[in-house]
Amino acid sequence: PRPLVDCAGRVFAVLAGRPRDKSFDCDCETAYNSMSSELCNFKPKESELTHRRGDFPAFAVGVSYRNGQMELSRLAAGENGPNAEALNRLLASQPIQRLAAYGNSAFQLWAPKLHLYYHDHVKQMYQALPSLRRNFSCSVFPCATFNFGPNACCFKHRDTQNLAFGWCSITALGRFDHTKGGHLVLWDAKLIVEFPPHSTILIPSSTVLHSNIEVCSSEERASVTRYCSGGIF
């Protein structure tokens, strides 16, 4: 793991890497294969295929409070939408749960006060609304987006509806040469970072402009992001 620091020595993002455990790589492969095999079961809307983050299938699931929602609730896609069964099968996958747990642990290690802030507010939310289901049993992030391949590479954007000073956890999946494509570009920091498959990066996605470099046409890239809507706080 490697922290990224600003001119004042403050950690603003972390290249969290992955555990030194071959079983983790196996779980990442399984997670990617599960996403690939489930894609045919999705019934996407046009807005889930072409959107401001890119031209690839992307499906959000979990608890949110944004886009005109009148109350805290789980996004319809994971509850009663046409893609609920497929999304819930992915969430129930042990490898995908493990990826979320690693991202959460890295968050807690590198930003313990911010992690505690998330933990306390999200805990209060679930206590006040016990009917809300968690995406992950071991993560403070209540929402996730599955970004499907074969070329899930984001346009330049900010996730402005996430907590402004918060972080999100991004895990890259697929089969590609990370020295030639799939890089994470942090425009405000003027950094281009190699982002290998199975690795996790933590960034303040609401405030830092970011994007990806495309992978080769013969390669495949997907990702899973975990985050929290600013409205929850």
C-alpha atoms as a PDB file:
ATOM      1  CA  PRO A   1       0.000   0.000   0.000  1.00  0.00           C
ATOM      2  CA  ARG A   2       1.056   3.551  -0.693  1.00  0.00           C
ATOM      3  CA  PRO A   3      -0.565   6.768   0.550  1.00  0.00           C
ATOM      4  CA  LEU A   4      -0.866   9.830  -1.656  1.00  0.00           C
ATOM      5  CA  VAL A   5      -0.208  13.022   0.301  1.00  0.00           C
ATOM      6  CA  ASP A   6      -0.746  16.700  -0.405  1.00  0.00           C
ATOM      7  CA  CYS A   7       1.788  19.509   0.058  1.00  0.00           C
ATOM      8  CA  ALA A   8       0.950  19.648   3.773  1.00  0.00           C
ATOM      9  CA  GLY A   9       1.632  15.943   4.257  1.00  0.00           C
ATOM     10  CA  ARG A  10      -2.035  14.992   4.570  1.00  0.00           C
ATOM     11  CA  VAL A  11      -3.135  11.656   3.149  1.00  0.00           C
ATOM     12  CA  PHE A  12      -5.835  12.324   0.541  1.00  0.00           C
ATOM     13  CA  ALA A  13      -5.928   8.948  -1.218  1.00  0.00           C
ATOM     14  CA  VAL A  14      -4.436   5.481  -0.838  1.00  0.00           C
ATOM     15  CA  LEU A  15      -3.187   2.913  -3.318  1.00  0.00           C
ATOM     16  CA  ALA A  16      -4.272   0.053  -1.077  1.00  0.00           C
ATOM     17  CA  GLY A  17      -3.129  -2.755  -3.354  1.00  0.00           C
ATOM     18  CA  ARG A  18      -4.196  -6.243  -2.325  1.00  0.00           C
ATOM     19  CA  PRO A  19      -3.341  -8.811   0.363  1.00  0.00           C
ATOM     20  CA  ARG A  20      -0.329 -11.086  -0.124  1.00  0.00           C
ATOM     21  CA  ASP A  21      -2.581 -14.092  -0.290  1.00  0.00           C
ATOM     22  CA  LYS A  22      -3.069 -16.185  -3.420  1.00  0.00           C
ATOM     23  CA  SER A  23      -6.603 -17.009  -2.330  1.00  0.00           C
ATOM     24  CA  PHE A  24      -7.466 -13.311  -2.657  1.00  0.00           C
ATOM     25  CA  ASP A  25      -6.475 -13.379  -6.327  1.00  0.00           C
ATOM     26  CA  CYS A  26      -8.617 -16.485  -6.767  1.00  0.00           C
ATOM     27  CA  ASP A  27     -11.552 -14.686  -5.168  1.00  0.00           C
ATOM     28  CA  CYS A  28     -11.037 -11.694  -7.468  1.00  0.00           C
ATOM     29  CA  GLU A  29     -11.099 -14.013 -10.480  1.00  0.00           C
ATOM     30  CA  THR A  30     -14.268 -15.636  -9.164  1.00  0.00           C
ATOM     31  CA  ALA A  31     -15.859 -12.223  -8.575  1.00  0.00           C
ATOM     32  CA  TYR A  32     -15.051 -11.151 -12.121  1.00  0.00           C
ATOM     33  CA  ASN A  33     -16.360 -14.405 -13.587  1.00  0.00           C
ATOM     34  CA  SER A  34     -19.558 -14.029 -11.554  1.00  0.00           C
ATOM     35  CA  MET A  35     -20.088 -10.525 -12.897  1.00  0.00           C
ATOM     36  CA  SER A  36     -19.425 -11.659 -16.456  1.00  0.00           C
ATOM     37  CA  SER A  37     -21.834 -14.581 -16.236  1.00  0.00           C
ATOM     38  CA  GLU A  38     -24.565 -12.505 -14.556  1.00  0.00           C
ATOM     39  CA  LEU A  39     -24.485  -9.712 -17.134  1.00  0.00           C
ATOM     40  CA  CYS A  40     -26.773 -11.609 -19.508  1.00  0.00           C
ATOM     41  CA  ASN A  41     -29.427 -11.685 -16.751  1.00  0.00           C
ATOM     42  CA  PHE A  42     -29.631  -7.891 -16.489  1.00  0.00           C
ATOM     43  CA  LYS A  43     -32.293  -5.824 -18.222  1.00  0.00           C
ATOM     44  CA  PRO A  44     -30.559  -2.454 -18.469  1.00  0.00           C
ATOM     45  CA  LYS A  45     -32.112   0.912 -19.092  1.00  0.00           C
ATOM     46  CA  GLU A  46     -30.375   3.172 -21.583  1.00  0.00           C
ATOM     47  CA  SER A  47     -29.122   5.291 -18.667  1.00  0.00           C
ATOM     48  CA  GLU A  48     -27.375   2.223 -17.254  1.00  0.00           C
ATOM     49  CA  LEU A  49     -25.497   1.589 -20.506  1.00  0.00           C
ATOM     50  CA  THR A  50     -24.465   5.116 -21.468  1.00  0.00           C
ATOM     51  CA  HIS A  51     -24.022   7.628 -18.662  1.00  0.00           C
ATOM     52  CA  ARG A  52     -21.792  10.467 -17.547  1.00  0.00           C
ATOM     53  CA  ARG A  53     -19.197   8.063 -16.151  1.00  0.00           C
ATOM     54  CA  GLY A  54     -18.746   6.132 -19.384  1.00  0.00           C
ATOM     55  CA  ASP A  55     -20.101   3.801 -22.043  1.00  0.00           C
ATOM     56  CA  PHE A  56     -20.375   0.547 -20.114  1.00  0.00           C
ATOM     57  CA  PRO A  57     -23.096  -1.235 -18.112  1.00  0.00           C
ATOM     58  CA  ALA A  58     -23.228   0.081 -14.540  1.00  0.00           C
ATOM     59  CA  PHE A  59     -25.741  -0.928 -11.868  1.00  0.00           C
ATOM     60  CA  ALA A  60     -25.974   0.665  -8.409  1.00  0.00           C
ATOM     61  CA  VAL A  61     -27.371  -1.163  -5.393  1.00  0.00           C
ATOM     62  CA  GLY A  62     -27.750  -0.315  -1.715  1.00  0.00           C
ATOM     63  CA  VAL A  63     -28.956   2.417   0.615  1.00  0.00           C
ATOM     64  CA  SER A  64     -28.939   5.947  -0.734  1.00  0.00           C
ATOM     65  CA  TYR A  65     -30.449   9.392  -0.221  1.00  0.00           C
ATOM     66  CA  ARG A  66     -30.116  11.463  -3.393  1.00  0.00           C
ATOM     67  CA  ASN A  67     -31.689  12.242  -6.763  1.00  0.00           C
ATOM     68  CA  GLY A  68     -34.950  13.465  -5.264  1.00  0.00           C
ATOM     69  CA  GLN A  69     -35.458  10.558  -2.854  1.00  0.00           C
ATOM     70  CA  MET A  70     -37.979  11.611  -0.209  1.00  0.00           C
ATOM     71  CA  GLU A  71     -36.486   9.325   2.434  1.00  0.00           C
ATOM     72  CA  LEU A  72     -33.576   7.019   3.094  1.00  0.00           C
ATOM     73  CA  SER A  73     -34.147   3.799   1.191  1.00  0.00           C
ATOM     74  CA  ARG A  74     -32.508   1.083  -0.814  1.00  0.00           C
ATOM     75  CA  LEU A  75     -32.295   1.814  -4.507  1.00  0.00           C
ATOM     76  CA  ALA A  76     -35.136   0.165  -6.390  1.00  0.00           C
ATOM     77  CA  ALA A  77     -32.694  -1.720  -8.624  1.00  0.00           C
ATOM     78  CA  GLY A  78     -31.780  -3.999  -5.736  1.00  0.00           C
ATOM     79  CA  GLU A  79     -35.249  -4.334  -4.246  1.00  0.00           C
ATOM     80  CA  ASN A  80     -38.035  -4.713  -6.785  1.00  0.00           C
ATOM     81  CA  GLY A  81     -36.448  -3.674 -10.075  1.00  0.00           C
ATOM     82  CA  PRO A  82     -35.881  -6.025 -13.013  1.00  0.00           C
ATOM     83  CA  ASN A  83     -32.252  -6.533 -11.980  1.00  0.00           C
ATOM     84  CA  ALA A  84     -32.844  -7.226  -8.288  1.00  0.00           C
ATOM     85  CA  GLU A  85     -32.220 -10.973  -8.435  1.00  0.00           C
ATOM     86  CA  ALA A  86     -28.973 -10.650 -10.366  1.00  0.00           C
ATOM     87  CA  LEU A  87     -27.684  -7.871  -8.092  1.00  0.00           C
ATOM     88  CA  ASN A  88     -28.566  -9.785  -4.953  1.00  0.00           C
ATOM     89  CA  ARG A  89     -26.790 -12.899  -6.234  1.00  0.00           C
ATOM     90  CA  LEU A  90     -23.659 -10.820  -6.739  1.00  0.00           C
ATOM     91  CA  LEU A  91     -23.945  -9.281  -3.272  1.00  0.00           C
ATOM     92  CA  ALA A  92     -24.348 -12.747  -1.748  1.00  0.00           C
ATOM     93  CA  SER A  93     -21.112 -13.922  -3.370  1.00  0.00           C
ATOM     94  CA  GLN A  94     -18.422 -14.631  -0.773  1.00  0.00           C
ATOM     95  CA  PRO A  95     -15.616 -13.331  -3.032  1.00  0.00           C
ATOM     96  CA  ILE A  96     -17.440 -10.033  -3.589  1.00  0.00           C
ATOM     97  CA  GLN A  97     -18.032  -9.755   0.161  1.00  0.00           C
ATOM     98  CA  ARG A  98     -14.303 -10.339   0.698  1.00  0.00           C
ATOM     99  CA  LEU A  99     -13.371  -7.560  -1.713  1.00  0.00           C
ATOM    100  CA  ALA A 100     -15.649  -5.201   0.221  1.00  0.00           C
ATOM    101  CA  ALA A 101     -14.107  -6.270   3.530  1.00  0.00           C
ATOM    102  CA  TYR A 102     -10.595  -5.551   2.280  1.00  0.00           C
ATOM    103  CA  GLY A 103     -11.587  -2.093   1.055  1.00  0.00           C
ATOM    104  CA  ASN A 104     -13.184  -1.395   4.426  1.00  0.00           C
ATOM    105  CA  SER A 105     -10.080  -2.551   6.329  1.00  0.00           C
ATOM    106  CA  ALA A 106      -7.835  -0.348   4.204  1.00  0.00           C
ATOM    107  CA  PHE A 107     -10.155   2.604   4.836  1.00  0.00           C
ATOM    108  CA  GLN A 108     -10.053   1.984   8.586  1.00  0.00           C
ATOM    109  CA  LEU A 109      -6.245   1.678   8.565  1.00  0.00           C
ATOM    110  CA  TRP A 110      -5.463   4.807   6.564  1.00  0.00           C
ATOM    111  CA  ALA A 111      -8.270   7.141   7.676  1.00  0.00           C
ATOM    112  CA  PRO A 112      -9.403   5.880  11.102  1.00  0.00           C
ATOM    113  CA  LYS A 113     -11.223   9.064  12.150  1.00  0.00           C
ATOM    114  CA  LEU A 114     -13.085   9.318   8.851  1.00  0.00           C
ATOM    115  CA  HIS A 115     -13.915   5.612   8.977  1.00  0.00           C
ATOM    116  CA  LEU A 116     -15.312   6.049  12.496  1.00  0.00           C
ATOM    117  CA  TYR A 117     -17.425   8.977  11.255  1.00  0.00           C
ATOM    118  CA  TYR A 118     -18.901   6.702   8.580  1.00  0.00           C
ATOM    119  CA  HIS A 119     -19.341   3.844  11.031  1.00  0.00           C
ATOM    120  CA  ASP A 120     -21.219   5.931  13.596  1.00  0.00           C
ATOM    121  CA  HIS A 121     -23.594   7.564  11.106  1.00  0.00           C
ATOM    122  CA  VAL A 122     -24.292   4.394   9.149  1.00  0.00           C
ATOM    123  CA  LYS A 123     -24.867   2.468  12.395  1.00  0.00           C
ATOM    124  CA  GLN A 124     -27.417   5.080  13.508  1.00  0.00           C
ATOM    125  CA  MET A 125     -29.134   4.815  10.138  1.00  0.00           C
ATOM    126  CA  TYR A 126     -29.542   1.049  10.357  1.00  0.00           C
ATOM    127  CA  GLN A 127     -30.691   1.268  13.983  1.00  0.00           C
ATOM    128  CA  ALA A 128     -33.325   3.863  13.084  1.00  0.00           C
ATOM    129  CA  LEU A 129     -34.425   1.949   9.968  1.00  0.00           C
ATOM    130  CA  PRO A 130     -33.907  -1.757  10.715  1.00  0.00           C
ATOM    131  CA  SER A 131     -35.796  -2.752   7.566  1.00  0.00           C
ATOM    132  CA  LEU A 132     -32.886  -1.541   5.426  1.00  0.00           C
ATOM    133  CA  ARG A 133     -30.655  -4.384   4.276  1.00  0.00           C
ATOM    134  CA  ARG A 134     -26.894  -4.055   4.200  1.00  0.00           C
ATOM    135  CA  ASN A 135     -24.961  -4.753   1.032  1.00  0.00           C
ATOM    136  CA  PHE A 136     -21.956  -5.999   2.964  1.00  0.00           C
ATOM    137  CA  SER A 137     -21.727  -7.390   6.476  1.00  0.00           C
ATOM    138  CA  CYS A 138     -18.243  -5.960   7.057  1.00  0.00           C
ATOM    139  CA  SER A 139     -18.169  -2.547   5.391  1.00  0.00           C
ATOM    140  CA  VAL A 140     -19.224   0.962   6.350  1.00  0.00           C
ATOM    141  CA  PHE A 141     -20.139   1.726   2.729  1.00  0.00           C
ATOM    142  CA  PRO A 142     -23.907   1.260   2.279  1.00  0.00           C
ATOM    143  CA  CYS A 143     -23.964   1.509  -1.519  1.00  0.00           C
ATOM    144  CA  ALA A 144     -22.077  -0.113  -4.391  1.00  0.00           C
ATOM    145  CA  THR A 145     -21.914   0.041  -8.166  1.00  0.00           C
ATOM    146  CA  PHE A 146     -20.956  -2.873 -10.379  1.00  0.00           C
ATOM    147  CA  ASN A 147     -19.199  -1.572 -13.486  1.00  0.00           C
ATOM    148  CA  PHE A 148     -19.263  -4.331 -16.082  1.00  0.00           C
ATOM    149  CA  GLY A 149     -16.723  -5.024 -18.807  1.00  0.00           C
ATOM    150  CA  PRO A 150     -15.326  -5.656 -21.196  1.00  0.00           C
ATOM    151  CA  ASN A 151     -14.045  -2.062 -21.053  1.00  0.00           C
ATOM    152  CA  ALA A 152     -15.265  -0.370 -17.887  1.00  0.00           C
ATOM    153  CA  CYS A 153     -13.123   2.752 -18.050  1.00  0.00           C
ATOM    154  CA  CYS A 154     -14.587   5.980 -16.724  1.00  0.00           C
ATOM    155  CA  PHE A 155     -14.754   9.380 -18.352  1.00  0.00           C
ATOM    156  CA  LYS A 156     -13.411  12.361 -16.424  1.00  0.00           C
ATOM    157  CA  HIS A 157     -15.898  13.037 -13.606  1.00  0.00           C
ATOM    158  CA  ARG A 158     -16.577  13.714  -9.940  1.00  0.00           C
ATOM    159  CA  ASP A 159     -19.121  11.763  -7.881  1.00  0.00           C
ATOM    160  CA  THR A 160     -20.640  14.912  -6.443  1.00  0.00           C
ATOM    161  CA  GLN A 161     -23.480  13.221  -4.575  1.00  0.00           C
ATOM    162  CA  ASN A 162     -21.108  11.285  -2.342  1.00  0.00           C
ATOM    163  CA  LEU A 163     -19.960  12.746   0.977  1.00  0.00           C
ATOM    164  CA  ALA A 164     -17.835  15.767  -0.001  1.00  0.00           C
ATOM    165  CA  PHE A 165     -14.909  14.960   2.307  1.00  0.00           C
ATOM    166  CA  GLY A 166     -15.416  11.211   2.192  1.00  0.00           C
ATOM    167  CA  TRP A 167     -13.638   8.410   0.388  1.00  0.00           C
ATOM    168  CA  CYS A 168     -14.845   5.647  -1.865  1.00  0.00           C
ATOM    169  CA  SER A 169     -13.293   2.228  -2.409  1.00  0.00           C
ATOM    170  CA  ILE A 170     -12.614   1.035  -5.975  1.00  0.00           C
ATOM    171  CA  THR A 171     -11.493  -2.482  -6.893  1.00  0.00           C
ATOM    172  CA  ALA A 172     -10.297  -3.238 -10.421  1.00  0.00           C
ATOM    173  CA  LEU A 173     -11.139  -6.614 -11.945  1.00  0.00           C
ATOM    174  CA  GLY A 174     -10.538  -8.314 -15.261  1.00  0.00           C
ATOM    175  CA  ARG A 175      -7.597  -9.386 -17.386  1.00  0.00           C
ATOM    176  CA  PHE A 176      -5.417  -6.588 -18.737  1.00  0.00           C
ATOM    177  CA  ASP A 177      -1.860  -5.269 -18.750  1.00  0.00           C
ATOM    178  CA  HIS A 178      -1.950  -2.529 -16.125  1.00  0.00           C
ATOM    179  CA  THR A 179       1.256  -0.965 -17.480  1.00  0.00           C
ATOM    180  CA  LYS A 180      -0.486  -0.175 -20.775  1.00  0.00           C
ATOM    181  CA  GLY A 181      -4.059   0.647 -19.721  1.00  0.00           C
ATOM    182  CA  GLY A 182      -6.596   0.819 -16.920  1.00  0.00           C
ATOM    183  CA  HIS A 183      -4.649   3.565 -15.131  1.00  0.00           C
ATOM    184  CA  LEU A 184      -6.445   5.861 -12.692  1.00  0.00           C
ATOM    185  CA  VAL A 185      -5.998   9.522 -13.611  1.00  0.00           C
ATOM    186  CA  LEU A 186      -6.297  12.010 -10.730  1.00  0.00           C
ATOM    187  CA  TRP A 187      -6.551  15.269 -12.637  1.00  0.00           C
ATOM    188  CA  ASP A 188      -6.371  17.726  -9.741  1.00  0.00           C
ATOM    189  CA  ALA A 189      -3.296  16.002  -8.327  1.00  0.00           C
ATOM    190  CA  LYS A 190      -1.748  15.680 -11.826  1.00  0.00           C
ATOM    191  CA  LEU A 191      -1.147  11.983 -11.274  1.00  0.00           C
ATOM    192  CA  ILE A 192      -1.535   8.928 -13.483  1.00  0.00           C
ATOM    193  CA  VAL A 193      -1.503   5.773 -11.379  1.00  0.00           C
ATOM    194  CA  GLU A 194      -1.138   2.173 -12.499  1.00  0.00           C
ATOM    195  CA  PHE A 195      -4.205   0.265 -11.308  1.00  0.00           C
ATOM    196  CA  PRO A 196      -3.628  -3.499 -11.641  1.00  0.00           C
ATOM    197  CA  PRO A 197      -6.442  -6.060 -11.636  1.00  0.00           C
ATOM    198  CA  HIS A 198      -7.413  -7.203  -8.109  1.00  0.00           C
ATOM    199  CA  SER A 199      -6.086  -3.974  -6.547  1.00  0.00           C
ATOM    200  CA  THR A 200      -8.065  -1.455  -4.495  1.00  0.00           C
ATOM    201  CA  ILE A 201      -7.693   2.318  -4.409  1.00  0.00           C
ATOM    202  CA  LEU A 202      -9.350   4.759  -1.984  1.00  0.00           C
ATOM    203  CA  ILE A 203     -10.041   8.274  -3.268  1.00  0.00           C
ATOM    204  CA  PRO A 204     -12.202  11.298  -2.348  1.00  0.00           C
ATOM    205  CA  SER A 205     -14.324  10.759  -5.443  1.00  0.00           C
ATOM    206  CA  SER A 206     -16.692  13.649  -4.728  1.00  0.00           C
ATOM    207  CA  THR A 207     -14.004  16.325  -4.913  1.00  0.00           C
ATOM    208  CA  VAL A 208     -11.141  14.915  -6.995  1.00  0.00           C
ATOM    209  CA  LEU A 209     -11.655  14.800 -10.754  1.00  0.00           C
ATOM    210  CA  HIS A 210     -10.818  11.275 -11.914  1.00  0.00           C
ATOM    211  CA  SER A 211     -10.987   8.959 -14.915  1.00  0.00           C
ATOM    212  CA  ASN A 212      -9.424   5.800 -16.372  1.00  0.00           C
ATOM    213  CA  ILE A 213      -7.243   5.114 -19.374  1.00  0.00           C
ATOM    214  CA  GLU A 214      -8.828   2.534 -21.670  1.00  0.00           C
ATOM    215  CA  VAL A 215      -7.486  -1.002 -21.902  1.00  0.00           C
ATOM    216  CA  CYS A 216      -6.639  -2.710 -25.199  1.00  0.00           C
ATOM    217  CA  SER A 217      -9.528  -3.996 -27.294  1.00  0.00           C
ATOM    218  CA  SER A 218      -8.363  -7.584 -26.699  1.00  0.00           C
ATOM    219  CA  GLU A 219      -8.401  -7.107 -22.917  1.00  0.00           C
ATOM    220  CA  GLU A 220     -11.154  -6.959 -20.295  1.00  0.00           C
ATOM    221  CA  ARG A 221     -11.691  -4.611 -17.373  1.00  0.00           C
ATOM    222  CA  ALA A 222     -14.489  -4.276 -14.814  1.00  0.00           C
ATOM    223  CA  SER A 223     -14.674  -2.727 -11.362  1.00  0.00           C
ATOM    224  CA  VAL A 224     -16.702  -2.550  -8.169  1.00  0.00           C
ATOM    225  CA  THR A 225     -17.025   0.695  -6.215  1.00  0.00           C
ATOM    226  CA  ARG A 226     -18.301   1.121  -2.653  1.00  0.00           C
ATOM    227  CA  TYR A 227     -19.369   4.546  -1.373  1.00  0.00           C
ATOM    228  CA  CYS A 228     -21.844   6.562   0.693  1.00  0.00           C
ATOM    229  CA  SER A 229     -24.279   9.253  -0.382  1.00  0.00           C
ATOM    230  CA  GLY A 230     -23.668  12.594   1.304  1.00  0.00           C
ATOM    231  CA  GLY A 231     -27.369  12.882   2.125  1.00  0.00           C
ATOM    232  CA  ILE A 232     -27.083  10.034   4.631  1.00  0.00           C
ATOM    233  CA  PHE A 233     -24.992  12.246   6.897  1.00  0.00           C
END
